[in-house]
């Protein structure tokens, strides 16, 4: 049980770092409200990535799309669909081990 929790926490930590930690200012930009409308495809793009990740047999965790892809993603003026597509293409199995090497190269758009 503890090992599974540790693996779950590790996978979530990797996701948070890849999504937010490698691009300065992204969290702040996501937290700002948009005055000119949002990008309505962000939640759907995020959900597609979650569905892809959950379908991989080597992934030790099952992400909850409701938690990973909050409605506030559609409030940002930034279209993040290319980022989530890159994450889908970069998230795969290498045998029984999750391979996130290419996903680490995905850059979240900032404009």
PDB file of N, CA and C in Angstrom:
ATOM      1  N   UNK A   1       0.827  -1.189   0.000  1.00  0.00           N
ATOM      2  CA  UNK A   1       0.000   0.000   0.000  1.00  0.00           C
ATOM      3  C   UNK A   1       0.870   1.252   0.000  1.00  0.00           C
ATOM      4  N   UNK A   2       1.886   1.282   0.858  1.00  0.00           N
ATOM      5  CA  UNK A   2       2.760   2.450   0.935  1.00  0.00           C
ATOM      6  C   UNK A   2       3.556   2.620  -0.352  1.00  0.00           C
ATOM      7  N   UNK A   3       3.957   1.503  -0.945  1.00  0.00           N
ATOM      8  CA  UNK A   3       4.713   1.581  -2.186  1.00  0.00           C
ATOM      9  C   UNK A   3       3.836   2.166  -3.300  1.00  0.00           C
ATOM     10  N   UNK A   4       2.574   1.769  -3.366  1.00  0.00           N
ATOM     11  CA  UNK A   4       1.674   2.294  -4.383  1.00  0.00           C
ATOM     12  C   UNK A   4       1.445   3.793  -4.181  1.00  0.00           C
ATOM     13  N   UNK A   5       1.290   4.229  -2.910  1.00  0.00           N
ATOM     14  CA  UNK A   5       1.130   5.649  -2.629  1.00  0.00           C
ATOM     15  C   UNK A   5       2.372   6.432  -3.027  1.00  0.00           C
ATOM     16  N   UNK A   6       3.543   5.868  -2.765  1.00  0.00           N
ATOM     17  CA  UNK A   6       4.785   6.512  -3.138  1.00  0.00           C
ATOM     18  C   UNK A   6       4.891   6.637  -4.653  1.00  0.00           C
ATOM     19  N   UNK A   7       4.521   5.590  -5.374  1.00  0.00           N
ATOM     20  CA  UNK A   7       4.543   5.622  -6.835  1.00  0.00           C
ATOM     21  C   UNK A   7       3.544   6.647  -7.349  1.00  0.00           C
ATOM     22  N   UNK A   8       2.341   6.684  -6.766  1.00  0.00           N
ATOM     23  CA  UNK A   8       1.331   7.651  -7.175  1.00  0.00           C
ATOM     24  C   UNK A   8       1.825   9.068  -6.953  1.00  0.00           C
ATOM     25  N   UNK A   9       2.397   9.327  -5.789  1.00  0.00           N
ATOM     26  CA  UNK A   9       2.908  10.654  -5.486  1.00  0.00           C
ATOM     27  C   UNK A   9       4.036  11.022  -6.440  1.00  0.00           C
ATOM     28  N   UNK A  10       4.899  10.073  -6.749  1.00  0.00           N
ATOM     29  CA  UNK A  10       6.012  10.326  -7.666  1.00  0.00           C
ATOM     30  C   UNK A  10       5.509  10.663  -9.061  1.00  0.00           C
ATOM     31  N   UNK A  11       4.530   9.913  -9.539  1.00  0.00           N
ATOM     32  CA  UNK A  11       3.987  10.177 -10.874  1.00  0.00           C
ATOM     33  C   UNK A  11       3.320  11.546 -10.924  1.00  0.00           C
ATOM     34  N   UNK A  12       2.582  11.895  -9.901  1.00  0.00           N
ATOM     35  CA  UNK A  12       1.932  13.199  -9.852  1.00  0.00           C
ATOM     36  C   UNK A  12       2.975  14.307  -9.785  1.00  0.00           C
ATOM     37  N   UNK A  13       4.022  14.098  -9.029  1.00  0.00           N
ATOM     38  CA  UNK A  13       5.086  15.093  -8.924  1.00  0.00           C
ATOM     39  C   UNK A  13       5.763  15.324 -10.269  1.00  0.00           C
ATOM     40  N   UNK A  14       5.996  14.241 -11.000  1.00  0.00           N
ATOM     41  CA  UNK A  14       6.594  14.353 -12.331  1.00  0.00           C
ATOM     42  C   UNK A  14       5.671  15.153 -13.237  1.00  0.00           C
ATOM     43  N   UNK A  15       4.374  14.864 -13.198  1.00  0.00           N
ATOM     44  CA  UNK A  15       3.427  15.598 -14.029  1.00  0.00           C
ATOM     45  C   UNK A  15       3.441  17.082 -13.694  1.00  0.00           C
ATOM     46  N   UNK A  16       3.374  17.414 -12.421  1.00  0.00           N
ATOM     47  CA  UNK A  16       3.334  18.822 -12.022  1.00  0.00           C
ATOM     48  C   UNK A  16       4.606  19.520 -12.468  1.00  0.00           C
ATOM     49  N   UNK A  17       5.761  18.870 -12.298  1.00  0.00           N
ATOM     50  CA  UNK A  17       7.004  19.482 -12.755  1.00  0.00           C
ATOM     51  C   UNK A  17       7.005  19.680 -14.254  1.00  0.00           C
ATOM     52  N   UNK A  18       6.609  18.656 -14.999  1.00  0.00           N
ATOM     53  CA  UNK A  18       6.600  18.774 -16.454  1.00  0.00           C
ATOM     54  C   UNK A  18       5.607  19.827 -16.923  1.00  0.00           C
ATOM     55  N   UNK A  19       4.467  19.876 -16.268  1.00  0.00           N
ATOM     56  CA  UNK A  19       3.431  20.805 -16.703  1.00  0.00           C
ATOM     57  C   UNK A  19       3.727  22.240 -16.292  1.00  0.00           C
ATOM     58  N   UNK A  20       4.268  22.433 -15.094  1.00  0.00           N
ATOM     59  CA  UNK A  20       4.379  23.785 -14.591  1.00  0.00           C
ATOM     60  C   UNK A  20       5.787  24.195 -14.183  1.00  0.00           C
ATOM     61  N   UNK A  21       6.598  23.237 -13.776  1.00  0.00           N
ATOM     62  CA  UNK A  21       7.885  23.591 -13.190  1.00  0.00           C
ATOM     63  C   UNK A  21       8.948  24.016 -14.172  1.00  0.00           C
ATOM     64  N   UNK A  22       8.833  23.643 -15.434  1.00  0.00           N
ATOM     65  CA  UNK A  22       9.905  23.939 -16.366  1.00  0.00           C
ATOM     66  C   UNK A  22       9.678  25.227 -17.148  1.00  0.00           C
ATOM     67  N   UNK A  23       8.552  25.885 -16.956  1.00  0.00           N
ATOM     68  CA  UNK A  23       8.263  27.112 -17.688  1.00  0.00           C
ATOM     69  C   UNK A  23       7.923  28.218 -16.697  1.00  0.00           C
ATOM     70  N   UNK A  24       8.827  29.182 -16.511  1.00  0.00           N
ATOM     71  CA  UNK A  24       8.562  30.244 -15.536  1.00  0.00           C
ATOM     72  C   UNK A  24       7.312  31.041 -15.882  1.00  0.00           C
ATOM     73  N   UNK A  25       6.525  31.352 -14.860  1.00  0.00           N
ATOM     74  CA  UNK A  25       5.377  32.224 -15.040  1.00  0.00           C
ATOM     75  C   UNK A  25       4.108  31.556 -15.523  1.00  0.00           C
ATOM     76  N   UNK A  26       4.125  30.271 -15.820  1.00  0.00           N
ATOM     77  CA  UNK A  26       2.947  29.618 -16.360  1.00  0.00           C
ATOM     78  C   UNK A  26       1.828  29.561 -15.333  1.00  0.00           C
ATOM     79  N   UNK A  27       2.159  29.231 -14.097  1.00  0.00           N
ATOM     80  CA  UNK A  27       1.117  29.147 -13.070  1.00  0.00           C
ATOM     81  C   UNK A  27       0.444  30.496 -12.904  1.00  0.00           C
ATOM     82  N   UNK A  28       1.249  31.548 -12.870  1.00  0.00           N
ATOM     83  CA  UNK A  28       0.675  32.879 -12.737  1.00  0.00           C
ATOM     84  C   UNK A  28      -0.247  33.194 -13.907  1.00  0.00           C
ATOM     85  N   UNK A  29       0.147  32.819 -15.105  1.00  0.00           N
ATOM     86  CA  UNK A  29      -0.685  33.087 -16.272  1.00  0.00           C
ATOM     87  C   UNK A  29      -1.977  32.285 -16.221  1.00  0.00           C
ATOM     88  N   UNK A  30      -1.911  31.069 -15.725  1.00  0.00           N
ATOM     89  CA  UNK A  30      -3.123  30.259 -15.628  1.00  0.00           C
ATOM     90  C   UNK A  30      -4.071  30.805 -14.577  1.00  0.00           C
ATOM     91  N   UNK A  31      -3.520  31.463 -13.564  1.00  0.00           N
ATOM     92  CA  UNK A  31      -4.355  31.978 -12.497  1.00  0.00           C
ATOM     93  C   UNK A  31      -5.025  33.295 -12.869  1.00  0.00           C
ATOM     94  N   UNK A  32      -4.502  34.002 -13.858  1.00  0.00           N
ATOM     95  CA  UNK A  32      -5.101  35.268 -14.261  1.00  0.00           C
ATOM     96  C   UNK A  32      -6.406  35.001 -14.991  1.00  0.00           C
ATOM     97  N   UNK A  33      -7.391  35.840 -14.735  1.00  0.00           N
ATOM     98  CA  UNK A  33      -8.648  35.688 -15.463  1.00  0.00           C
ATOM     99  C   UNK A  33      -8.511  36.334 -16.816  1.00  0.00           C
ATOM    100  N   UNK A  34      -9.241  35.828 -17.769  1.00  0.00           N
ATOM    101  CA  UNK A  34      -9.183  36.319 -19.132  1.00  0.00           C
ATOM    102  C   UNK A  34     -10.298  37.313 -19.376  1.00  0.00           C
ATOM    103  N   UNK A  35      -9.950  38.459 -19.947  1.00  0.00           N
ATOM    104  CA  UNK A  35     -10.967  39.452 -20.268  1.00  0.00           C
ATOM    105  C   UNK A  35     -11.448  39.315 -21.703  1.00  0.00           C
ATOM    106  N   UNK A  36     -10.721  38.599 -22.508  1.00  0.00           N
ATOM    107  CA  UNK A  36     -11.115  38.462 -23.908  1.00  0.00           C
ATOM    108  C   UNK A  36     -11.563  37.046 -24.251  1.00  0.00           C
ATOM    109  N   UNK A  37     -12.026  36.312 -23.268  1.00  0.00           N
ATOM    110  CA  UNK A  37     -12.506  34.953 -23.520  1.00  0.00           C
ATOM    111  C   UNK A  37     -11.410  33.944 -23.310  1.00  0.00           C
ATOM    112  N   UNK A  38     -11.783  32.700 -23.226  1.00  0.00           N
ATOM    113  CA  UNK A  38     -10.806  31.659 -22.979  1.00  0.00           C
ATOM    114  C   UNK A  38     -10.617  30.764 -24.179  1.00  0.00           C
ATOM    115  N   UNK A  39      -9.863  29.720 -23.963  1.00  0.00           N
ATOM    116  CA  UNK A  39      -9.634  28.730 -25.001  1.00  0.00           C
ATOM    117  C   UNK A  39     -10.424  27.485 -24.626  1.00  0.00           C
ATOM    118  N   UNK A  40     -11.571  27.332 -25.257  1.00  0.00           N
ATOM    119  CA  UNK A  40     -12.527  26.299 -24.862  1.00  0.00           C
ATOM    120  C   UNK A  40     -12.033  24.880 -25.082  1.00  0.00           C
ATOM    121  N   UNK A  41     -10.945  24.676 -25.785  1.00  0.00           N
ATOM    122  CA  UNK A  41     -10.472  23.326 -26.048  1.00  0.00           C
ATOM    123  C   UNK A  41      -9.472  22.787 -25.051  1.00  0.00           C
ATOM    124  N   UNK A  42      -9.085  23.590 -24.055  1.00  0.00           N
ATOM    125  CA  UNK A  42      -8.047  23.145 -23.127  1.00  0.00           C
ATOM    126  C   UNK A  42      -8.485  21.970 -22.263  1.00  0.00           C
ATOM    127  N   UNK A  43      -9.691  22.014 -21.730  1.00  0.00           N
ATOM    128  CA  UNK A  43     -10.171  20.909 -20.894  1.00  0.00           C
ATOM    129  C   UNK A  43     -10.258  19.634 -21.724  1.00  0.00           C
ATOM    130  N   UNK A  44     -10.792  19.723 -22.921  1.00  0.00           N
ATOM    131  CA  UNK A  44     -10.914  18.539 -23.789  1.00  0.00           C
ATOM    132  C   UNK A  44      -9.537  17.976 -24.132  1.00  0.00           C
ATOM    133  N   UNK A  45      -8.572  18.846 -24.401  1.00  0.00           N
ATOM    134  CA  UNK A  45      -7.218  18.393 -24.722  1.00  0.00           C
ATOM    135  C   UNK A  45      -6.575  17.715 -23.512  1.00  0.00           C
ATOM    136  N   UNK A  46      -6.775  18.297 -22.336  1.00  0.00           N
ATOM    137  CA  UNK A  46      -6.258  17.704 -21.101  1.00  0.00           C
ATOM    138  C   UNK A  46      -6.905  16.341 -20.853  1.00  0.00           C
ATOM    139  N   UNK A  47      -8.206  16.265 -21.039  1.00  0.00           N
ATOM    140  CA  UNK A  47      -8.919  15.002 -20.835  1.00  0.00           C
ATOM    141  C   UNK A  47      -8.427  13.922 -21.793  1.00  0.00           C
ATOM    142  N   UNK A  48      -8.079  14.319 -23.019  1.00  0.00           N
ATOM    143  CA  UNK A  48      -7.529  13.349 -23.980  1.00  0.00           C
ATOM    144  C   UNK A  48      -6.194  12.819 -23.484  1.00  0.00           C
ATOM    145  N   UNK A  49      -5.363  13.689 -22.891  1.00  0.00           N
ATOM    146  CA  UNK A  49      -4.085  13.236 -22.351  1.00  0.00           C
ATOM    147  C   UNK A  49      -4.308  12.299 -21.164  1.00  0.00           C
ATOM    148  N   UNK A  50      -5.240  12.643 -20.286  1.00  0.00           N
ATOM    149  CA  UNK A  50      -5.539  11.786 -19.134  1.00  0.00           C
ATOM    150  C   UNK A  50      -6.038  10.422 -19.617  1.00  0.00           C
ATOM    151  N   UNK A  51      -6.933  10.428 -20.594  1.00  0.00           N
ATOM    152  CA  UNK A  51      -7.452   9.164 -21.131  1.00  0.00           C
ATOM    153  C   UNK A  51      -6.313   8.324 -21.719  1.00  0.00           C
ATOM    154  N   UNK A  52      -5.429   8.971 -22.459  1.00  0.00           N
ATOM    155  CA  UNK A  52      -4.277   8.256 -23.034  1.00  0.00           C
ATOM    156  C   UNK A  52      -3.401   7.665 -21.930  1.00  0.00           C
ATOM    157  N   UNK A  53      -3.072   8.494 -20.940  1.00  0.00           N
ATOM    158  CA  UNK A  53      -2.213   8.026 -19.841  1.00  0.00           C
ATOM    159  C   UNK A  53      -2.849   6.874 -19.082  1.00  0.00           C
ATOM    160  N   UNK A  54      -4.138   6.983 -18.818  1.00  0.00           N
ATOM    161  CA  UNK A  54      -4.838   5.929 -18.086  1.00  0.00           C
ATOM    162  C   UNK A  54      -4.932   4.632 -18.884  1.00  0.00           C
ATOM    163  N   UNK A  55      -4.817   4.722 -20.204  1.00  0.00           N
ATOM    164  CA  UNK A  55      -4.916   3.521 -21.037  1.00  0.00           C
ATOM    165  C   UNK A  55      -3.597   2.756 -21.125  1.00  0.00           C
ATOM    166  N   UNK A  56      -2.512   3.362 -20.669  1.00  0.00           N
ATOM    167  CA  UNK A  56      -1.206   2.699 -20.753  1.00  0.00           C
ATOM    168  C   UNK A  56      -1.082   1.630 -19.672  1.00  0.00           C
ATOM    169  N   UNK A  57      -0.760   0.401 -20.046  1.00  0.00           N
ATOM    170  CA  UNK A  57      -0.691  -0.681 -19.055  1.00  0.00           C
ATOM    171  C   UNK A  57       0.466  -0.521 -18.065  1.00  0.00           C
ATOM    172  N   UNK A  58       1.468   0.264 -18.405  1.00  0.00           N
ATOM    173  CA  UNK A  58       2.628   0.410 -17.520  1.00  0.00           C
ATOM    174  C   UNK A  58       2.450   1.525 -16.505  1.00  0.00           C
ATOM    175  N   UNK A  59       1.426   2.349 -16.653  1.00  0.00           N
ATOM    176  CA  UNK A  59       1.242   3.475 -15.738  1.00  0.00           C
ATOM    177  C   UNK A  59       0.756   2.974 -14.390  1.00  0.00           C
ATOM    178  N   UNK A  60       1.457   3.331 -13.304  1.00  0.00           N
ATOM    179  CA  UNK A  60       1.089   2.820 -11.985  1.00  0.00           C
ATOM    180  C   UNK A  60      -0.084   3.557 -11.339  1.00  0.00           C
ATOM    181  N   UNK A  61      -0.535   4.638 -11.944  1.00  0.00           N
ATOM    182  CA  UNK A  61      -1.629   5.428 -11.369  1.00  0.00           C
ATOM    183  C   UNK A  61      -2.737   5.597 -12.398  1.00  0.00           C
ATOM    184  N   UNK A  62      -3.896   5.919 -11.888  1.00  0.00           N
ATOM    185  CA  UNK A  62      -5.035   6.220 -12.741  1.00  0.00           C
ATOM    186  C   UNK A  62      -5.447   7.650 -12.423  1.00  0.00           C
ATOM    187  N   UNK A  63      -5.205   8.573 -13.356  1.00  0.00           N
ATOM    188  CA  UNK A  63      -5.522   9.973 -13.122  1.00  0.00           C
ATOM    189  C   UNK A  63      -7.025  10.208 -13.179  1.00  0.00           C
ATOM    190  N   UNK A  64      -7.489  11.137 -12.366  1.00  0.00           N
ATOM    191  CA  UNK A  64      -8.889  11.556 -12.370  1.00  0.00           C
ATOM    192  C   UNK A  64      -8.973  12.808 -13.237  1.00  0.00           C
ATOM    193  N   UNK A  65      -9.666  12.714 -14.375  1.00  0.00           N
ATOM    194  CA  UNK A  65      -9.754  13.832 -15.310  1.00  0.00           C
ATOM    195  C   UNK A  65     -10.382  15.058 -14.658  1.00  0.00           C
ATOM    196  N   UNK A  66     -11.314  14.857 -13.742  1.00  0.00           N
ATOM    197  CA  UNK A  66     -11.937  15.982 -13.056  1.00  0.00           C
ATOM    198  C   UNK A  66     -10.952  16.776 -12.221  1.00  0.00           C
ATOM    199  N   UNK A  67      -9.991  16.084 -11.631  1.00  0.00           N
ATOM    200  CA  UNK A  67      -8.980  16.756 -10.816  1.00  0.00           C
ATOM    201  C   UNK A  67      -7.842  17.304 -11.673  1.00  0.00           C
ATOM    202  N   UNK A  68      -7.450  16.567 -12.675  1.00  0.00           N
ATOM    203  CA  UNK A  68      -6.325  16.964 -13.516  1.00  0.00           C
ATOM    204  C   UNK A  68      -6.696  18.055 -14.519  1.00  0.00           C
ATOM    205  N   UNK A  69      -7.956  18.117 -14.897  1.00  0.00           N
ATOM    206  CA  UNK A  69      -8.401  19.018 -15.962  1.00  0.00           C
ATOM    207  C   UNK A  69      -9.563  19.886 -15.481  1.00  0.00           C
ATOM    208  N   UNK A  70      -9.315  20.803 -14.564  1.00  0.00           N
ATOM    209  CA  UNK A  70     -10.403  21.623 -14.038  1.00  0.00           C
ATOM    210  C   UNK A  70     -10.963  22.556 -15.112  1.00  0.00           C
ATOM    211  N   UNK A  71     -12.202  22.965 -14.924  1.00  0.00           N
ATOM    212  CA  UNK A  71     -12.869  23.852 -15.880  1.00  0.00           C
ATOM    213  C   UNK A  71     -12.108  25.158 -16.070  1.00  0.00           C
ATOM    214  N   UNK A  72     -11.317  25.541 -15.090  1.00  0.00           N
ATOM    215  CA  UNK A  72     -10.562  26.793 -15.195  1.00  0.00           C
ATOM    216  C   UNK A  72      -9.541  26.771 -16.329  1.00  0.00           C
ATOM    217  N   UNK A  73      -9.185  25.592 -16.822  1.00  0.00           N
ATOM    218  CA  UNK A  73      -8.289  25.531 -17.978  1.00  0.00           C
ATOM    219  C   UNK A  73      -8.890  26.240 -19.185  1.00  0.00           C
ATOM    220  N   UNK A  74     -10.206  26.208 -19.286  1.00  0.00           N
ATOM    221  CA  UNK A  74     -10.857  26.870 -20.414  1.00  0.00           C
ATOM    222  C   UNK A  74     -10.999  28.371 -20.210  1.00  0.00           C
ATOM    223  N   UNK A  75     -10.594  28.872 -19.069  1.00  0.00           N
ATOM    224  CA  UNK A  75     -10.678  30.310 -18.812  1.00  0.00           C
ATOM    225  C   UNK A  75      -9.428  31.053 -19.251  1.00  0.00           C
ATOM    226  N   UNK A  76      -8.351  30.341 -19.452  1.00  0.00           N
ATOM    227  CA  UNK A  76      -7.116  30.997 -19.864  1.00  0.00           C
ATOM    228  C   UNK A  76      -7.185  31.347 -21.356  1.00  0.00           C
ATOM    229  N   UNK A  77      -6.605  32.471 -21.743  1.00  0.00           N
ATOM    230  CA  UNK A  77      -6.607  32.829 -23.159  1.00  0.00           C
ATOM    231  C   UNK A  77      -5.579  32.025 -23.957  1.00  0.00           C
ATOM    232  N   UNK A  78      -4.792  31.229 -23.268  1.00  0.00           N
ATOM    233  CA  UNK A  78      -3.744  30.453 -23.920  1.00  0.00           C
ATOM    234  C   UNK A  78      -4.315  29.129 -24.418  1.00  0.00           C
ATOM    235  N   UNK A  79      -4.098  28.827 -25.681  1.00  0.00           N
ATOM    236  CA  UNK A  79      -4.520  27.543 -26.242  1.00  0.00           C
ATOM    237  C   UNK A  79      -3.435  26.513 -25.925  1.00  0.00           C
ATOM    238  N   UNK A  80      -3.740  25.585 -25.029  1.00  0.00           N
ATOM    239  CA  UNK A  80      -2.763  24.596 -24.589  1.00  0.00           C
ATOM    240  C   UNK A  80      -2.926  23.248 -25.287  1.00  0.00           C
ATOM    241  N   UNK A  81      -3.758  23.192 -26.325  1.00  0.00           N
ATOM    242  CA  UNK A  81      -4.013  21.905 -26.978  1.00  0.00           C
ATOM    243  C   UNK A  81      -2.744  21.312 -27.588  1.00  0.00           C
ATOM    244  N   UNK A  82      -1.841  22.148 -28.110  1.00  0.00           N
ATOM    245  CA  UNK A  82      -0.598  21.617 -28.681  1.00  0.00           C
ATOM    246  C   UNK A  82       0.278  20.998 -27.594  1.00  0.00           C
ATOM    247  N   UNK A  83       0.236  21.575 -26.401  1.00  0.00           N
ATOM    248  CA  UNK A  83       0.994  21.020 -25.274  1.00  0.00           C
ATOM    249  C   UNK A  83       0.466  19.636 -24.909  1.00  0.00           C
ATOM    250  N   UNK A  84      -0.853  19.513 -24.772  1.00  0.00           N
ATOM    251  CA  UNK A  84      -1.418  18.222 -24.396  1.00  0.00           C
ATOM    252  C   UNK A  84      -1.234  17.189 -25.502  1.00  0.00           C
ATOM    253  N   UNK A  85      -1.257  17.614 -26.763  1.00  0.00           N
ATOM    254  CA  UNK A  85      -0.990  16.685 -27.861  1.00  0.00           C
ATOM    255  C   UNK A  85       0.452  16.190 -27.774  1.00  0.00           C
ATOM    256  N   UNK A  86       1.371  17.095 -27.474  1.00  0.00           N
ATOM    257  CA  UNK A  86       2.768  16.707 -27.298  1.00  0.00           C
ATOM    258  C   UNK A  86       2.909  15.724 -26.135  1.00  0.00           C
ATOM    259  N   UNK A  87       2.175  15.971 -25.042  1.00  0.00           N
ATOM    260  CA  UNK A  87       2.209  15.065 -23.894  1.00  0.00           C
ATOM    261  C   UNK A  87       1.678  13.682 -24.268  1.00  0.00           C
ATOM    262  N   UNK A  88       0.626  13.648 -25.087  1.00  0.00           N
ATOM    263  CA  UNK A  88       0.093  12.359 -25.542  1.00  0.00           C
ATOM    264  C   UNK A  88       1.158  11.619 -26.340  1.00  0.00           C
ATOM    265  N   UNK A  89       1.784  12.320 -27.271  1.00  0.00           N
ATOM    266  CA  UNK A  89       2.803  11.691 -28.122  1.00  0.00           C
ATOM    267  C   UNK A  89       4.055  11.306 -27.330  1.00  0.00           C
ATOM    268  N   UNK A  90       4.317  12.019 -26.228  1.00  0.00           N
ATOM    269  CA  UNK A  90       5.526  11.764 -25.456  1.00  0.00           C
ATOM    270  C   UNK A  90       5.354  10.856 -24.261  1.00  0.00           C
ATOM    271  N   UNK A  91       4.141  10.381 -24.020  1.00  0.00           N
ATOM    272  CA  UNK A  91       3.869   9.518 -22.877  1.00  0.00           C
ATOM    273  C   UNK A  91       3.595   8.109 -23.395  1.00  0.00           C
ATOM    274  N   UNK A  92       4.481   7.200 -23.063  1.00  0.00           N
ATOM    275  CA  UNK A  92       4.354   5.832 -23.580  1.00  0.00           C
ATOM    276  C   UNK A  92       4.980   4.847 -22.601  1.00  0.00           C
ATOM    277  N   UNK A  93       4.879   3.602 -22.932  1.00  0.00           N
ATOM    278  CA  UNK A  93       5.506   2.554 -22.128  1.00  0.00           C
ATOM    279  C   UNK A  93       6.792   2.091 -22.801  1.00  0.00           C
ATOM    280  N   UNK A  94       7.776   1.796 -21.990  1.00  0.00           N
ATOM    281  CA  UNK A  94       8.994   1.152 -22.448  1.00  0.00           C
ATOM    282  C   UNK A  94       9.039  -0.166 -21.691  1.00  0.00           C
ATOM    283  N   UNK A  95       8.399  -1.158 -22.275  1.00  0.00           N
ATOM    284  CA  UNK A  95       8.201  -2.412 -21.556  1.00  0.00           C
ATOM    285  C   UNK A  95       7.170  -2.181 -20.464  1.00  0.00           C
ATOM    286  N   UNK A  96       7.549  -2.490 -19.226  1.00  0.00           N
ATOM    287  CA  UNK A  96       6.654  -2.292 -18.084  1.00  0.00           C
ATOM    288  C   UNK A  96       6.890  -0.957 -17.375  1.00  0.00           C
ATOM    289  N   UNK A  97       7.708  -0.099 -17.975  1.00  0.00           N
ATOM    290  CA  UNK A  97       8.092   1.152 -17.321  1.00  0.00           C
ATOM    291  C   UNK A  97       7.538   2.340 -18.098  1.00  0.00           C
ATOM    292  N   UNK A  98       6.915   3.306 -17.402  1.00  0.00           N
ATOM    293  CA  UNK A  98       6.463   4.527 -18.094  1.00  0.00           C
ATOM    294  C   UNK A  98       7.664   5.280 -18.660  1.00  0.00           C
ATOM    295  N   UNK A  99       7.552   5.725 -19.902  1.00  0.00           N
ATOM    296  CA  UNK A  99       8.613   6.478 -20.566  1.00  0.00           C
ATOM    297  C   UNK A  99       8.107   7.896 -20.793  1.00  0.00           C
ATOM    298  N   UNK A 100       8.602   8.833 -19.993  1.00  0.00           N
ATOM    299  CA  UNK A 100       8.174  10.233 -20.075  1.00  0.00           C
ATOM    300  C   UNK A 100       9.270  11.125 -20.640  1.00  0.00           C
ATOM    301  N   UNK A 101      10.319  10.529 -21.206  1.00  0.00           N
ATOM    302  CA  UNK A 101      11.455  11.318 -21.681  1.00  0.00           C
ATOM    303  C   UNK A 101      11.026  12.365 -22.702  1.00  0.00           C
ATOM    304  N   UNK A 102      10.247  11.977 -23.689  1.00  0.00           N
ATOM    305  CA  UNK A 102       9.808  12.937 -24.709  1.00  0.00           C
ATOM    306  C   UNK A 102       8.795  13.925 -24.153  1.00  0.00           C
ATOM    307  N   UNK A 103       7.984  13.502 -23.208  1.00  0.00           N
ATOM    308  CA  UNK A 103       7.008  14.410 -22.599  1.00  0.00           C
ATOM    309  C   UNK A 103       7.713  15.540 -21.862  1.00  0.00           C
ATOM    310  N   UNK A 104       8.898  15.272 -21.371  1.00  0.00           N
ATOM    311  CA  UNK A 104       9.666  16.303 -20.686  1.00  0.00           C
ATOM    312  C   UNK A 104      10.108  17.431 -21.595  1.00  0.00           C
ATOM    313  N   UNK A 105      10.064  17.191 -22.906  1.00  0.00           N
ATOM    314  CA  UNK A 105      10.442  18.218 -23.864  1.00  0.00           C
ATOM    315  C   UNK A 105       9.258  19.065 -24.332  1.00  0.00           C
ATOM    316  N   UNK A 106       8.055  18.751 -23.849  1.00  0.00           N
ATOM    317  CA  UNK A 106       6.886  19.508 -24.254  1.00  0.00           C
ATOM    318  C   UNK A 106       6.876  20.851 -23.538  1.00  0.00           C
ATOM    319  N   UNK A 107       6.733  21.891 -24.308  1.00  0.00           N
ATOM    320  CA  UNK A 107       6.715  23.242 -23.736  1.00  0.00           C
ATOM    321  C   UNK A 107       5.288  23.763 -23.712  1.00  0.00           C
ATOM    322  N   UNK A 108       4.858  24.175 -22.524  1.00  0.00           N
ATOM    323  CA  UNK A 108       3.515  24.746 -22.403  1.00  0.00           C
ATOM    324  C   UNK A 108       3.554  26.147 -23.009  1.00  0.00           C
ATOM    325  N   UNK A 109       2.620  26.432 -23.907  1.00  0.00           N
ATOM    326  CA  UNK A 109       2.601  27.764 -24.501  1.00  0.00           C
ATOM    327  C   UNK A 109       2.336  28.829 -23.435  1.00  0.00           C
ATOM    328  N   UNK A 110       2.926  29.982 -23.630  1.00  0.00           N
ATOM    329  CA  UNK A 110       2.763  31.071 -22.684  1.00  0.00           C
ATOM    330  C   UNK A 110       1.998  32.251 -23.295  1.00  0.00           C
ATOM    331  N   UNK A 111       1.685  32.166 -24.567  1.00  0.00           N
ATOM    332  CA  UNK A 111       0.905  33.233 -25.220  1.00  0.00           C
ATOM    333  C   UNK A 111      -0.090  32.660 -26.177  1.00  0.00           C
TER     334      UNK A 111
END
